[in-house]
């Protein structure tokens, strides 16, 4: 029996509820029954791609240490395989790729190793670097030598989420229909009003998808995003609204995915280095609540346009969502190609 990693857990957290060694958090709520319910949402057999091209969003949106993918050809292009494999007379011609890929540059999942907090889990008066369920995310993982160039996380890596397959019922909330491109902090009251107006029911184990229109703008800007305009437009969740955070807890949603850059609004002044947090508070309170306290993955920079239009015309909000990340041991985030099926 695994002993729990903490003596004191954060207020409002679910640490230990899924077991002392749990590493997938609220994805445990996508049971076989919930997945079958999601499959029953498929009535037309139509599938929608929910990822941006992975070379978007373009410069200035992400922190400068996240760069767009770069493809390289290790053997060159259109190479005769007779030369590669030393087989005289072969007529085959081939191509092969390698890529330098920053895993959280474009459409992505945050793993539970992405954001933790300084917290006194040992209840000894000393705060440590702690992540979901009391895990101390150490690097490198067992079997990965320190000089390997692959300092993977020893726990809470993205491979744990990948093994759940992340397939369940998606529920799309059309914030763009509600607010257009007006900059809007979506607090509890506003979200409840949209759910009521759009007749949306959210149940435990659902994957909550937020369509704001931000992804549409990125596609239209064609790798040259107007950062100032994007900062002034579209909806974000208000991570400082305690009632909204409590609703996330009470709703039982398994994950939240959005087409914007961080699901929640970042503090004013963050882009110029003038943001300020009260002592002991989180820079990204919704990330803190979801990833650190609840073990709830967050999806960012998704693309919902065609799916949202179809669902709106059909007066529906539910669909089958299939969205596994890469099974890359030790990674703290991952690109993905999510699919919505109706």
C-alpha atoms as a PDB file:
ATOM      1  CA  UNK A   1       0.000   0.000   0.000  1.00  0.00           C
ATOM      2  CA  UNK A   2       1.414   3.354  -1.058  1.00  0.00           C
ATOM      3  CA  UNK A   3       1.759   5.887   1.739  1.00  0.00           C
ATOM      4  CA  UNK A   4       0.485   9.355   0.960  1.00  0.00           C
ATOM      5  CA  UNK A   5       3.097  12.016   0.268  1.00  0.00           C
ATOM      6  CA  UNK A   6       1.601  14.714   2.462  1.00  0.00           C
ATOM      7  CA  UNK A   7       0.483  15.365   5.985  1.00  0.00           C
ATOM      8  CA  UNK A   8      -1.494  18.490   5.153  1.00  0.00           C
ATOM      9  CA  UNK A   9      -3.233  19.035   1.856  1.00  0.00           C
ATOM     10  CA  UNK A  10      -4.238  22.413   0.383  1.00  0.00           C
ATOM     11  CA  UNK A  11      -7.667  23.709   1.336  1.00  0.00           C
ATOM     12  CA  UNK A  12     -10.158  22.853  -1.391  1.00  0.00           C
ATOM     13  CA  UNK A  13      -7.962  20.157  -2.932  1.00  0.00           C
ATOM     14  CA  UNK A  14      -8.834  16.535  -3.668  1.00  0.00           C
ATOM     15  CA  UNK A  15      -5.429  15.088  -2.834  1.00  0.00           C
ATOM     16  CA  UNK A  16      -5.746  11.448  -1.876  1.00  0.00           C
ATOM     17  CA  UNK A  17      -9.331  11.083  -3.070  1.00  0.00           C
ATOM     18  CA  UNK A  18      -8.212   8.961  -6.049  1.00  0.00           C
ATOM     19  CA  UNK A  19      -5.469   7.155  -4.120  1.00  0.00           C
ATOM     20  CA  UNK A  20      -2.164   8.041  -2.553  1.00  0.00           C
ATOM     21  CA  UNK A  21      -0.199   7.444  -5.768  1.00  0.00           C
ATOM     22  CA  UNK A  22      -2.691   8.949  -8.232  1.00  0.00           C
ATOM     23  CA  UNK A  23      -1.148  10.849 -11.163  1.00  0.00           C
ATOM     24  CA  UNK A  24      -4.141  11.603 -13.408  1.00  0.00           C
ATOM     25  CA  UNK A  25      -6.481  13.500 -11.092  1.00  0.00           C
ATOM     26  CA  UNK A  26      -9.929  14.377 -12.394  1.00  0.00           C
ATOM     27  CA  UNK A  27      -9.473  12.230 -15.504  1.00  0.00           C
ATOM     28  CA  UNK A  28     -10.414   9.398 -13.145  1.00  0.00           C
ATOM     29  CA  UNK A  29     -13.975  10.720 -13.505  1.00  0.00           C
ATOM     30  CA  UNK A  30     -14.108   9.607 -17.149  1.00  0.00           C
ATOM     31  CA  UNK A  31     -15.362   6.143 -16.296  1.00  0.00           C
ATOM     32  CA  UNK A  32     -16.360   3.457 -18.785  1.00  0.00           C
ATOM     33  CA  UNK A  33     -19.981   4.522 -18.290  1.00  0.00           C
ATOM     34  CA  UNK A  34     -19.146   8.181 -18.989  1.00  0.00           C
ATOM     35  CA  UNK A  35     -17.231   7.179 -22.118  1.00  0.00           C
ATOM     36  CA  UNK A  36     -20.192   5.142 -23.356  1.00  0.00           C
ATOM     37  CA  UNK A  37     -22.414   8.160 -22.779  1.00  0.00           C
ATOM     38  CA  UNK A  38     -19.993  10.197 -24.885  1.00  0.00           C
ATOM     39  CA  UNK A  39     -20.104   7.649 -27.709  1.00  0.00           C
ATOM     40  CA  UNK A  40     -23.893   7.945 -27.747  1.00  0.00           C
ATOM     41  CA  UNK A  41     -23.496  11.608 -28.719  1.00  0.00           C
ATOM     42  CA  UNK A  42     -22.269  10.440 -32.151  1.00  0.00           C
ATOM     43  CA  UNK A  43     -25.248  10.455 -34.488  1.00  0.00           C
ATOM     44  CA  UNK A  44     -23.907  11.772 -37.797  1.00  0.00           C
ATOM     45  CA  UNK A  45     -20.399  10.290 -38.001  1.00  0.00           C
ATOM     46  CA  UNK A  46     -18.863  13.666 -38.745  1.00  0.00           C
ATOM     47  CA  UNK A  47     -15.442  14.512 -37.286  1.00  0.00           C
ATOM     48  CA  UNK A  48     -13.865  17.919 -36.678  1.00  0.00           C
ATOM     49  CA  UNK A  49     -10.175  18.732 -36.256  1.00  0.00           C
ATOM     50  CA  UNK A  50      -9.669  20.732 -33.061  1.00  0.00           C
ATOM     51  CA  UNK A  51      -5.981  21.631 -33.356  1.00  0.00           C
ATOM     52  CA  UNK A  52      -4.347  24.706 -34.770  1.00  0.00           C
ATOM     53  CA  UNK A  53      -1.557  24.113 -37.272  1.00  0.00           C
ATOM     54  CA  UNK A  54       1.339  23.482 -34.907  1.00  0.00           C
ATOM     55  CA  UNK A  55       3.370  26.382 -36.359  1.00  0.00           C
ATOM     56  CA  UNK A  56       0.801  28.797 -34.903  1.00  0.00           C
ATOM     57  CA  UNK A  57       0.286  31.082 -32.944  1.00  0.00           C
ATOM     58  CA  UNK A  58       3.306  33.025 -34.214  1.00  0.00           C
ATOM     59  CA  UNK A  59       5.790  35.343 -32.566  1.00  0.00           C
ATOM     60  CA  UNK A  60       4.847  37.317 -29.478  1.00  0.00           C
ATOM     61  CA  UNK A  61       1.991  35.188 -28.158  1.00  0.00           C
ATOM     62  CA  UNK A  62       4.018  32.624 -26.255  1.00  0.00           C
ATOM     63  CA  UNK A  63       6.920  33.289 -23.876  1.00  0.00           C
ATOM     64  CA  UNK A  64      10.121  33.713 -25.909  1.00  0.00           C
ATOM     65  CA  UNK A  65      11.529  30.373 -24.750  1.00  0.00           C
ATOM     66  CA  UNK A  66       8.731  28.580 -26.640  1.00  0.00           C
ATOM     67  CA  UNK A  67       9.592  28.455 -30.310  1.00  0.00           C
ATOM     68  CA  UNK A  68       7.724  27.173 -33.391  1.00  0.00           C
ATOM     69  CA  UNK A  69       8.550  23.705 -34.703  1.00  0.00           C
ATOM     70  CA  UNK A  70      11.477  23.310 -37.063  1.00  0.00           C
ATOM     71  CA  UNK A  71      11.564  20.423 -39.502  1.00  0.00           C
ATOM     72  CA  UNK A  72      14.855  18.993 -40.697  1.00  0.00           C
ATOM     73  CA  UNK A  73      15.668  16.247 -43.180  1.00  0.00           C
ATOM     74  CA  UNK A  74      18.322  13.914 -41.714  1.00  0.00           C
ATOM     75  CA  UNK A  75      18.978  12.131 -45.016  1.00  0.00           C
ATOM     76  CA  UNK A  76      18.077  14.965 -47.380  1.00  0.00           C
ATOM     77  CA  UNK A  77      15.041  15.100 -49.668  1.00  0.00           C
ATOM     78  CA  UNK A  78      13.912  12.669 -52.361  1.00  0.00           C
ATOM     79  CA  UNK A  79      16.848  10.412 -51.644  1.00  0.00           C
ATOM     80  CA  UNK A  80      17.300   7.133 -53.566  1.00  0.00           C
ATOM     81  CA  UNK A  81      17.007   4.358 -50.991  1.00  0.00           C
ATOM     82  CA  UNK A  82      19.581   2.424 -52.955  1.00  0.00           C
ATOM     83  CA  UNK A  83      22.091   4.963 -51.658  1.00  0.00           C
ATOM     84  CA  UNK A  84      20.811   4.889 -48.058  1.00  0.00           C
ATOM     85  CA  UNK A  85      20.598   1.120 -47.635  1.00  0.00           C
ATOM     86  CA  UNK A  86      23.285   0.157 -50.175  1.00  0.00           C
ATOM     87  CA  UNK A  87      20.909  -1.968 -52.241  1.00  0.00           C
ATOM     88  CA  UNK A  88      21.939  -1.860 -55.853  1.00  0.00           C
ATOM     89  CA  UNK A  89      19.135  -1.564 -58.373  1.00  0.00           C
ATOM     90  CA  UNK A  90      16.389  -0.406 -55.959  1.00  0.00           C
ATOM     91  CA  UNK A  91      14.039   2.181 -57.469  1.00  0.00           C
ATOM     92  CA  UNK A  92      12.630   3.521 -54.183  1.00  0.00           C
ATOM     93  CA  UNK A  93      12.956   7.210 -53.344  1.00  0.00           C
ATOM     94  CA  UNK A  94      12.339   8.355 -49.770  1.00  0.00           C
ATOM     95  CA  UNK A  95      12.022  11.232 -47.336  1.00  0.00           C
ATOM     96  CA  UNK A  96      12.452  11.250 -43.581  1.00  0.00           C
ATOM     97  CA  UNK A  97      11.953  14.010 -40.998  1.00  0.00           C
ATOM     98  CA  UNK A  98      13.120  15.081 -37.609  1.00  0.00           C
ATOM     99  CA  UNK A  99      11.657  18.014 -35.709  1.00  0.00           C
ATOM    100  CA  UNK A 100      12.630  20.385 -32.954  1.00  0.00           C
ATOM    101  CA  UNK A 101       9.315  20.752 -31.172  1.00  0.00           C
ATOM    102  CA  UNK A 102       8.509  22.914 -28.175  1.00  0.00           C
ATOM    103  CA  UNK A 103       5.719  20.858 -26.673  1.00  0.00           C
ATOM    104  CA  UNK A 104       3.596  23.779 -25.417  1.00  0.00           C
ATOM    105  CA  UNK A 105       3.976  26.207 -28.301  1.00  0.00           C
ATOM    106  CA  UNK A 106       0.663  25.482 -30.019  1.00  0.00           C
ATOM    107  CA  UNK A 107      -2.407  23.309 -29.312  1.00  0.00           C
ATOM    108  CA  UNK A 108      -1.481  21.559 -26.078  1.00  0.00           C
ATOM    109  CA  UNK A 109      -2.283  19.801 -22.860  1.00  0.00           C
ATOM    110  CA  UNK A 110      -0.702  20.955 -19.615  1.00  0.00           C
ATOM    111  CA  UNK A 111       0.340  17.934 -17.595  1.00  0.00           C
ATOM    112  CA  UNK A 112      -0.005  17.934 -13.812  1.00  0.00           C
ATOM    113  CA  UNK A 113       3.761  18.509 -13.617  1.00  0.00           C
ATOM    114  CA  UNK A 114       3.385  21.841 -15.410  1.00  0.00           C
ATOM    115  CA  UNK A 115       2.360  24.002 -12.429  1.00  0.00           C
ATOM    116  CA  UNK A 116       2.839  23.329  -8.723  1.00  0.00           C
ATOM    117  CA  UNK A 117       3.297  25.625  -5.746  1.00  0.00           C
ATOM    118  CA  UNK A 118       5.363  26.366  -2.688  1.00  0.00           C
ATOM    119  CA  UNK A 119       3.333  24.584  -0.025  1.00  0.00           C
ATOM    120  CA  UNK A 120       3.958  23.117   3.425  1.00  0.00           C
ATOM    121  CA  UNK A 121       2.688  19.603   2.712  1.00  0.00           C
ATOM    122  CA  UNK A 122       4.791  18.158   5.563  1.00  0.00           C
ATOM    123  CA  UNK A 123       3.125  20.545   8.040  1.00  0.00           C
ATOM    124  CA  UNK A 124       6.508  21.430   9.526  1.00  0.00           C
ATOM    125  CA  UNK A 125       6.412  25.163   8.860  1.00  0.00           C
ATOM    126  CA  UNK A 126       8.590  24.923   5.729  1.00  0.00           C
ATOM    127  CA  UNK A 127       7.098  25.291   2.257  1.00  0.00           C
ATOM    128  CA  UNK A 128       8.432  22.949  -0.414  1.00  0.00           C
ATOM    129  CA  UNK A 129       8.019  22.767  -4.193  1.00  0.00           C
ATOM    130  CA  UNK A 130       4.951  20.527  -4.377  1.00  0.00           C
ATOM    131  CA  UNK A 131       2.660  19.394  -7.183  1.00  0.00           C
ATOM    132  CA  UNK A 132      -0.687  17.610  -7.369  1.00  0.00           C
ATOM    133  CA  UNK A 133      -1.294  14.922  -4.753  1.00  0.00           C
ATOM    134  CA  UNK A 134       1.892  15.829  -2.891  1.00  0.00           C
ATOM    135  CA  UNK A 135       4.243  14.724  -5.661  1.00  0.00           C
ATOM    136  CA  UNK A 136       7.727  16.217  -5.596  1.00  0.00           C
ATOM    137  CA  UNK A 137       8.416  16.364  -9.309  1.00  0.00           C
ATOM    138  CA  UNK A 138      12.085  15.465  -9.556  1.00  0.00           C
ATOM    139  CA  UNK A 139      14.294  15.541 -12.643  1.00  0.00           C
ATOM    140  CA  UNK A 140      15.560  13.463 -14.331  1.00  0.00           C
ATOM    141  CA  UNK A 141      13.258  10.475 -14.145  1.00  0.00           C
ATOM    142  CA  UNK A 142      14.665   7.060 -13.250  1.00  0.00           C
ATOM    143  CA  UNK A 143      16.524   5.607 -16.193  1.00  0.00           C
ATOM    144  CA  UNK A 144      17.237   8.991 -17.730  1.00  0.00           C
ATOM    145  CA  UNK A 145      20.853   9.965 -17.006  1.00  0.00           C
ATOM    146  CA  UNK A 146      21.388  13.584 -16.033  1.00  0.00           C
ATOM    147  CA  UNK A 147      23.528  14.192 -19.123  1.00  0.00           C
ATOM    148  CA  UNK A 148      21.061  12.543 -21.510  1.00  0.00           C
ATOM    149  CA  UNK A 149      19.571  15.849 -22.572  1.00  0.00           C
ATOM    150  CA  UNK A 150      16.143  14.471 -21.629  1.00  0.00           C
ATOM    151  CA  UNK A 151      15.514  15.657 -18.042  1.00  0.00           C
ATOM    152  CA  UNK A 152      12.085  14.087 -17.809  1.00  0.00           C
ATOM    153  CA  UNK A 153       9.798  14.376 -14.802  1.00  0.00           C
ATOM    154  CA  UNK A 154       9.961  11.422 -12.426  1.00  0.00           C
ATOM    155  CA  UNK A 155       6.229  11.743 -11.682  1.00  0.00           C
ATOM    156  CA  UNK A 156       3.141  13.414 -13.166  1.00  0.00           C
ATOM    157  CA  UNK A 157       4.610  13.306 -16.680  1.00  0.00           C
ATOM    158  CA  UNK A 158       2.287  13.589 -19.661  1.00  0.00           C
ATOM    159  CA  UNK A 159       2.527   9.843 -20.323  1.00  0.00           C
ATOM    160  CA  UNK A 160       0.199   9.274 -17.373  1.00  0.00           C
ATOM    161  CA  UNK A 161      -2.533  11.329 -19.053  1.00  0.00           C
ATOM    162  CA  UNK A 162      -1.822   9.639 -22.384  1.00  0.00           C
ATOM    163  CA  UNK A 163      -2.508   6.217 -20.895  1.00  0.00           C
ATOM    164  CA  UNK A 164      -6.060   7.289 -19.972  1.00  0.00           C
ATOM    165  CA  UNK A 165      -6.620   8.015 -23.713  1.00  0.00           C
ATOM    166  CA  UNK A 166      -8.465  11.241 -22.741  1.00  0.00           C
ATOM    167  CA  UNK A 167     -11.656  10.286 -24.509  1.00  0.00           C
ATOM    168  CA  UNK A 168     -15.015  11.378 -23.183  1.00  0.00           C
ATOM    169  CA  UNK A 169     -17.917  13.743 -23.666  1.00  0.00           C
ATOM    170  CA  UNK A 170     -16.965  17.217 -24.734  1.00  0.00           C
ATOM    171  CA  UNK A 171     -19.313  20.074 -23.845  1.00  0.00           C
ATOM    172  CA  UNK A 172     -18.770  23.244 -25.838  1.00  0.00           C
ATOM    173  CA  UNK A 173     -19.621  26.624 -24.329  1.00  0.00           C
ATOM    174  CA  UNK A 174     -19.862  29.243 -27.067  1.00  0.00           C
ATOM    175  CA  UNK A 175     -18.419  32.311 -25.355  1.00  0.00           C
ATOM    176  CA  UNK A 176     -17.870  33.958 -28.745  1.00  0.00           C
ATOM    177  CA  UNK A 177     -21.607  33.813 -29.430  1.00  0.00           C
ATOM    178  CA  UNK A 178     -22.238  35.374 -26.032  1.00  0.00           C
ATOM    179  CA  UNK A 179     -19.588  38.095 -25.984  1.00  0.00           C
ATOM    180  CA  UNK A 180     -18.142  38.419 -29.497  1.00  0.00           C
ATOM    181  CA  UNK A 181     -14.624  39.831 -29.602  1.00  0.00           C
ATOM    182  CA  UNK A 182     -15.201  42.123 -26.626  1.00  0.00           C
ATOM    183  CA  UNK A 183     -12.619  41.631 -23.902  1.00  0.00           C
ATOM    184  CA  UNK A 184     -14.612  39.864 -21.185  1.00  0.00           C
ATOM    185  CA  UNK A 185     -13.621  38.413 -17.837  1.00  0.00           C
ATOM    186  CA  UNK A 186     -15.961  35.461 -17.484  1.00  0.00           C
ATOM    187  CA  UNK A 187     -16.757  35.090 -13.811  1.00  0.00           C
ATOM    188  CA  UNK A 188     -19.219  32.691 -12.190  1.00  0.00           C
ATOM    189  CA  UNK A 189     -22.303  34.818 -12.883  1.00  0.00           C
ATOM    190  CA  UNK A 190     -21.430  35.329 -16.541  1.00  0.00           C
ATOM    191  CA  UNK A 191     -20.642  31.671 -17.083  1.00  0.00           C
ATOM    192  CA  UNK A 192     -23.886  30.584 -15.434  1.00  0.00           C
ATOM    193  CA  UNK A 193     -25.808  33.038 -17.610  1.00  0.00           C
ATOM    194  CA  UNK A 194     -24.224  31.612 -20.764  1.00  0.00           C
ATOM    195  CA  UNK A 195     -24.905  28.019 -19.683  1.00  0.00           C
ATOM    196  CA  UNK A 196     -28.540  28.921 -19.037  1.00  0.00           C
ATOM    197  CA  UNK A 197     -28.965  30.872 -22.263  1.00  0.00           C
ATOM    198  CA  UNK A 198     -27.388  28.113 -24.374  1.00  0.00           C
ATOM    199  CA  UNK A 199     -29.205  25.362 -22.435  1.00  0.00           C
ATOM    200  CA  UNK A 200     -25.986  23.596 -21.534  1.00  0.00           C
ATOM    201  CA  UNK A 201     -25.806  20.934 -18.864  1.00  0.00           C
ATOM    202  CA  UNK A 202     -22.419  19.981 -17.448  1.00  0.00           C
ATOM    203  CA  UNK A 203     -22.004  16.647 -15.669  1.00  0.00           C
ATOM    204  CA  UNK A 204     -19.162  14.955 -13.774  1.00  0.00           C
ATOM    205  CA  UNK A 205     -16.551  13.546 -16.136  1.00  0.00           C
ATOM    206  CA  UNK A 206     -17.332  15.999 -18.944  1.00  0.00           C
ATOM    207  CA  UNK A 207     -14.539  17.776 -20.820  1.00  0.00           C
ATOM    208  CA  UNK A 208     -15.430  21.476 -20.792  1.00  0.00           C
ATOM    209  CA  UNK A 209     -14.513  23.273 -24.039  1.00  0.00           C
ATOM    210  CA  UNK A 210     -14.530  27.076 -24.282  1.00  0.00           C
ATOM    211  CA  UNK A 211     -14.868  28.677 -27.714  1.00  0.00           C
ATOM    212  CA  UNK A 212     -13.880  32.355 -27.556  1.00  0.00           C
ATOM    213  CA  UNK A 213     -12.946  33.155 -31.167  1.00  0.00           C
ATOM    214  CA  UNK A 214      -9.297  33.718 -30.249  1.00  0.00           C
ATOM    215  CA  UNK A 215      -8.192  30.748 -32.334  1.00  0.00           C
ATOM    216  CA  UNK A 216     -10.043  32.094 -35.373  1.00  0.00           C
ATOM    217  CA  UNK A 217      -8.140  35.361 -35.062  1.00  0.00           C
ATOM    218  CA  UNK A 218      -4.801  33.541 -34.864  1.00  0.00           C
ATOM    219  CA  UNK A 219      -5.538  31.626 -38.061  1.00  0.00           C
ATOM    220  CA  UNK A 220      -6.619  34.806 -39.849  1.00  0.00           C
ATOM    221  CA  UNK A 221      -3.437  36.630 -38.796  1.00  0.00           C
ATOM    222  CA  UNK A 222      -1.299  34.048 -40.656  1.00  0.00           C
ATOM    223  CA  UNK A 223       1.753  33.797 -38.394  1.00  0.00           C
ATOM    224  CA  UNK A 224       1.861  37.556 -37.763  1.00  0.00           C
ATOM    225  CA  UNK A 225      -0.361  37.967 -34.703  1.00  0.00           C
ATOM    226  CA  UNK A 226      -1.398  41.424 -33.571  1.00  0.00           C
ATOM    227  CA  UNK A 227      -0.466  40.861 -29.944  1.00  0.00           C
ATOM    228  CA  UNK A 228      -1.880  44.167 -28.693  1.00  0.00           C
ATOM    229  CA  UNK A 229      -5.240  43.517 -30.345  1.00  0.00           C
ATOM    230  CA  UNK A 230      -5.427  39.975 -29.031  1.00  0.00           C
ATOM    231  CA  UNK A 231      -4.655  41.199 -25.517  1.00  0.00           C
ATOM    232  CA  UNK A 232      -7.601  43.617 -25.736  1.00  0.00           C
ATOM    233  CA  UNK A 233     -10.175  41.206 -27.159  1.00  0.00           C
ATOM    234  CA  UNK A 234     -12.037  37.932 -26.545  1.00  0.00           C
ATOM    235  CA  UNK A 235     -13.132  36.183 -23.372  1.00  0.00           C
ATOM    236  CA  UNK A 236     -11.040  34.617 -20.616  1.00  0.00           C
ATOM    237  CA  UNK A 237     -12.081  32.904 -17.428  1.00  0.00           C
ATOM    238  CA  UNK A 238     -11.668  35.031 -14.311  1.00  0.00           C
ATOM    239  CA  UNK A 239      -9.357  32.948 -12.169  1.00  0.00           C
ATOM    240  CA  UNK A 240      -9.710  35.380  -9.282  1.00  0.00           C
ATOM    241  CA  UNK A 241     -13.427  34.649  -8.880  1.00  0.00           C
ATOM    242  CA  UNK A 242     -13.675  32.221  -5.966  1.00  0.00           C
ATOM    243  CA  UNK A 243     -17.241  31.293  -6.899  1.00  0.00           C
ATOM    244  CA  UNK A 244     -16.073  30.260 -10.357  1.00  0.00           C
ATOM    245  CA  UNK A 245     -13.294  28.123  -8.878  1.00  0.00           C
ATOM    246  CA  UNK A 246     -15.793  26.503  -6.511  1.00  0.00           C
ATOM    247  CA  UNK A 247     -18.103  25.747  -9.436  1.00  0.00           C
ATOM    248  CA  UNK A 248     -15.210  24.033 -11.232  1.00  0.00           C
ATOM    249  CA  UNK A 249     -14.725  21.885  -8.147  1.00  0.00           C
ATOM    250  CA  UNK A 250     -18.426  21.118  -7.686  1.00  0.00           C
ATOM    251  CA  UNK A 251     -19.173  20.485 -11.378  1.00  0.00           C
ATOM    252  CA  UNK A 252     -16.887  17.463 -11.574  1.00  0.00           C
ATOM    253  CA  UNK A 253     -15.571  18.401 -15.022  1.00  0.00           C
ATOM    254  CA  UNK A 254     -12.532  16.290 -15.875  1.00  0.00           C
ATOM    255  CA  UNK A 255     -10.620  18.955 -17.800  1.00  0.00           C
ATOM    256  CA  UNK A 256     -11.001  22.418 -19.321  1.00  0.00           C
ATOM    257  CA  UNK A 257      -9.914  23.249 -22.866  1.00  0.00           C
ATOM    258  CA  UNK A 258      -9.967  26.674 -24.528  1.00  0.00           C
ATOM    259  CA  UNK A 259      -8.964  28.214 -27.839  1.00  0.00           C
ATOM    260  CA  UNK A 260      -7.109  31.052 -26.113  1.00  0.00           C
ATOM    261  CA  UNK A 261      -3.598  31.150 -24.737  1.00  0.00           C
ATOM    262  CA  UNK A 262      -4.047  30.257 -21.073  1.00  0.00           C
ATOM    263  CA  UNK A 263      -7.760  29.548 -20.408  1.00  0.00           C
ATOM    264  CA  UNK A 264      -7.732  32.280 -17.749  1.00  0.00           C
ATOM    265  CA  UNK A 265      -6.887  35.977 -17.946  1.00  0.00           C
ATOM    266  CA  UNK A 266      -3.311  36.814 -17.023  1.00  0.00           C
ATOM    267  CA  UNK A 267      -2.673  39.679 -14.583  1.00  0.00           C
ATOM    268  CA  UNK A 268      -2.505  43.168 -16.006  1.00  0.00           C
ATOM    269  CA  UNK A 269       1.054  44.199 -16.730  1.00  0.00           C
ATOM    270  CA  UNK A 270       2.398  40.684 -17.241  1.00  0.00           C
ATOM    271  CA  UNK A 271       3.549  41.440 -20.788  1.00  0.00           C
ATOM    272  CA  UNK A 272       5.734  44.350 -19.644  1.00  0.00           C
ATOM    273  CA  UNK A 273       6.993  42.780 -16.441  1.00  0.00           C
ATOM    274  CA  UNK A 274       4.850  45.004 -14.203  1.00  0.00           C
ATOM    275  CA  UNK A 275       2.379  42.391 -12.943  1.00  0.00           C
ATOM    276  CA  UNK A 276       1.972  42.085  -9.197  1.00  0.00           C
ATOM    277  CA  UNK A 277       0.559  39.327  -6.992  1.00  0.00           C
ATOM    278  CA  UNK A 278      -0.313  39.593  -3.347  1.00  0.00           C
ATOM    279  CA  UNK A 279       2.105  37.715  -1.122  1.00  0.00           C
ATOM    280  CA  UNK A 280       1.172  34.045  -0.964  1.00  0.00           C
ATOM    281  CA  UNK A 281      -1.157  34.183  -3.957  1.00  0.00           C
ATOM    282  CA  UNK A 282      -0.807  32.529  -7.353  1.00  0.00           C
ATOM    283  CA  UNK A 283       0.195  34.303 -10.567  1.00  0.00           C
ATOM    284  CA  UNK A 284      -2.320  32.079 -12.406  1.00  0.00           C
ATOM    285  CA  UNK A 285      -5.000  31.215  -9.831  1.00  0.00           C
ATOM    286  CA  UNK A 286      -7.080  29.002 -12.121  1.00  0.00           C
ATOM    287  CA  UNK A 287      -3.973  26.982 -13.067  1.00  0.00           C
ATOM    288  CA  UNK A 288      -3.199  26.738  -9.350  1.00  0.00           C
ATOM    289  CA  UNK A 289      -6.714  25.543  -8.575  1.00  0.00           C
ATOM    290  CA  UNK A 290      -7.008  23.085 -11.457  1.00  0.00           C
ATOM    291  CA  UNK A 291      -3.531  21.627 -11.923  1.00  0.00           C
ATOM    292  CA  UNK A 292      -2.189  21.857  -8.375  1.00  0.00           C
ATOM    293  CA  UNK A 293      -5.274  21.327  -6.214  1.00  0.00           C
ATOM    294  CA  UNK A 294      -7.614  19.227  -8.358  1.00  0.00           C
ATOM    295  CA  UNK A 295      -5.327  17.410 -10.781  1.00  0.00           C
ATOM    296  CA  UNK A 296      -7.335  18.767 -13.684  1.00  0.00           C
ATOM    297  CA  UNK A 297      -5.495  19.081 -17.028  1.00  0.00           C
ATOM    298  CA  UNK A 298      -5.850  22.309 -18.989  1.00  0.00           C
ATOM    299  CA  UNK A 299      -5.886  22.505 -22.780  1.00  0.00           C
ATOM    300  CA  UNK A 300      -4.793  25.704 -24.477  1.00  0.00           C
ATOM    301  CA  UNK A 301      -4.799  27.132 -28.013  1.00  0.00           C
ATOM    302  CA  UNK A 302      -7.317  24.651 -29.389  1.00  0.00           C
ATOM    303  CA  UNK A 303      -9.381  25.340 -32.510  1.00  0.00           C
ATOM    304  CA  UNK A 304     -13.170  25.066 -32.320  1.00  0.00           C
ATOM    305  CA  UNK A 305     -14.549  27.115 -35.234  1.00  0.00           C
ATOM    306  CA  UNK A 306     -16.182  24.521 -37.493  1.00  0.00           C
ATOM    307  CA  UNK A 307     -17.330  22.361 -34.595  1.00  0.00           C
ATOM    308  CA  UNK A 308     -18.864  25.363 -32.827  1.00  0.00           C
ATOM    309  CA  UNK A 309     -20.725  26.431 -35.972  1.00  0.00           C
ATOM    310  CA  UNK A 310     -22.068  22.911 -36.514  1.00  0.00           C
ATOM    311  CA  UNK A 311     -23.187  22.504 -32.910  1.00  0.00           C
ATOM    312  CA  UNK A 312     -24.869  25.913 -32.916  1.00  0.00           C
ATOM    313  CA  UNK A 313     -26.799  25.089 -36.088  1.00  0.00           C
ATOM    314  CA  UNK A 314     -27.825  21.714 -34.637  1.00  0.00           C
ATOM    315  CA  UNK A 315     -28.762  23.301 -31.285  1.00  0.00           C
ATOM    316  CA  UNK A 316     -26.369  20.963 -29.525  1.00  0.00           C
ATOM    317  CA  UNK A 317     -23.423  21.394 -27.188  1.00  0.00           C
ATOM    318  CA  UNK A 318     -22.271  17.799 -26.605  1.00  0.00           C
ATOM    319  CA  UNK A 319     -19.978  15.605 -28.701  1.00  0.00           C
ATOM    320  CA  UNK A 320     -17.445  12.811 -28.432  1.00  0.00           C
ATOM    321  CA  UNK A 321     -13.995  14.256 -27.734  1.00  0.00           C
ATOM    322  CA  UNK A 322     -10.880  12.180 -28.377  1.00  0.00           C
ATOM    323  CA  UNK A 323      -7.766  14.042 -27.245  1.00  0.00           C
ATOM    324  CA  UNK A 324      -4.818  11.940 -26.034  1.00  0.00           C
ATOM    325  CA  UNK A 325      -1.456  13.680 -25.671  1.00  0.00           C
ATOM    326  CA  UNK A 326       1.788  12.152 -26.887  1.00  0.00           C
ATOM    327  CA  UNK A 327       2.985   9.212 -24.811  1.00  0.00           C
ATOM    328  CA  UNK A 328       6.299  10.918 -24.136  1.00  0.00           C
ATOM    329  CA  UNK A 329       7.693   9.831 -20.749  1.00  0.00           C
ATOM    330  CA  UNK A 330       8.609  12.669 -18.426  1.00  0.00           C
ATOM    331  CA  UNK A 331       7.215  15.527 -20.526  1.00  0.00           C
ATOM    332  CA  UNK A 332       5.350  18.293 -18.684  1.00  0.00           C
ATOM    333  CA  UNK A 333       3.112  19.172 -21.625  1.00  0.00           C
ATOM    334  CA  UNK A 334       2.252  17.883 -25.058  1.00  0.00           C
ATOM    335  CA  UNK A 335       0.872  18.876 -28.445  1.00  0.00           C
ATOM    336  CA  UNK A 336      -2.093  16.879 -29.655  1.00  0.00           C
ATOM    337  CA  UNK A 337      -4.554  16.516 -32.505  1.00  0.00           C
ATOM    338  CA  UNK A 338      -7.943  16.457 -30.740  1.00  0.00           C
ATOM    339  CA  UNK A 339     -10.980  15.260 -32.676  1.00  0.00           C
ATOM    340  CA  UNK A 340     -14.611  16.149 -32.019  1.00  0.00           C
ATOM    341  CA  UNK A 341     -17.138  13.649 -33.427  1.00  0.00           C
ATOM    342  CA  UNK A 342     -20.891  14.326 -33.684  1.00  0.00           C
END
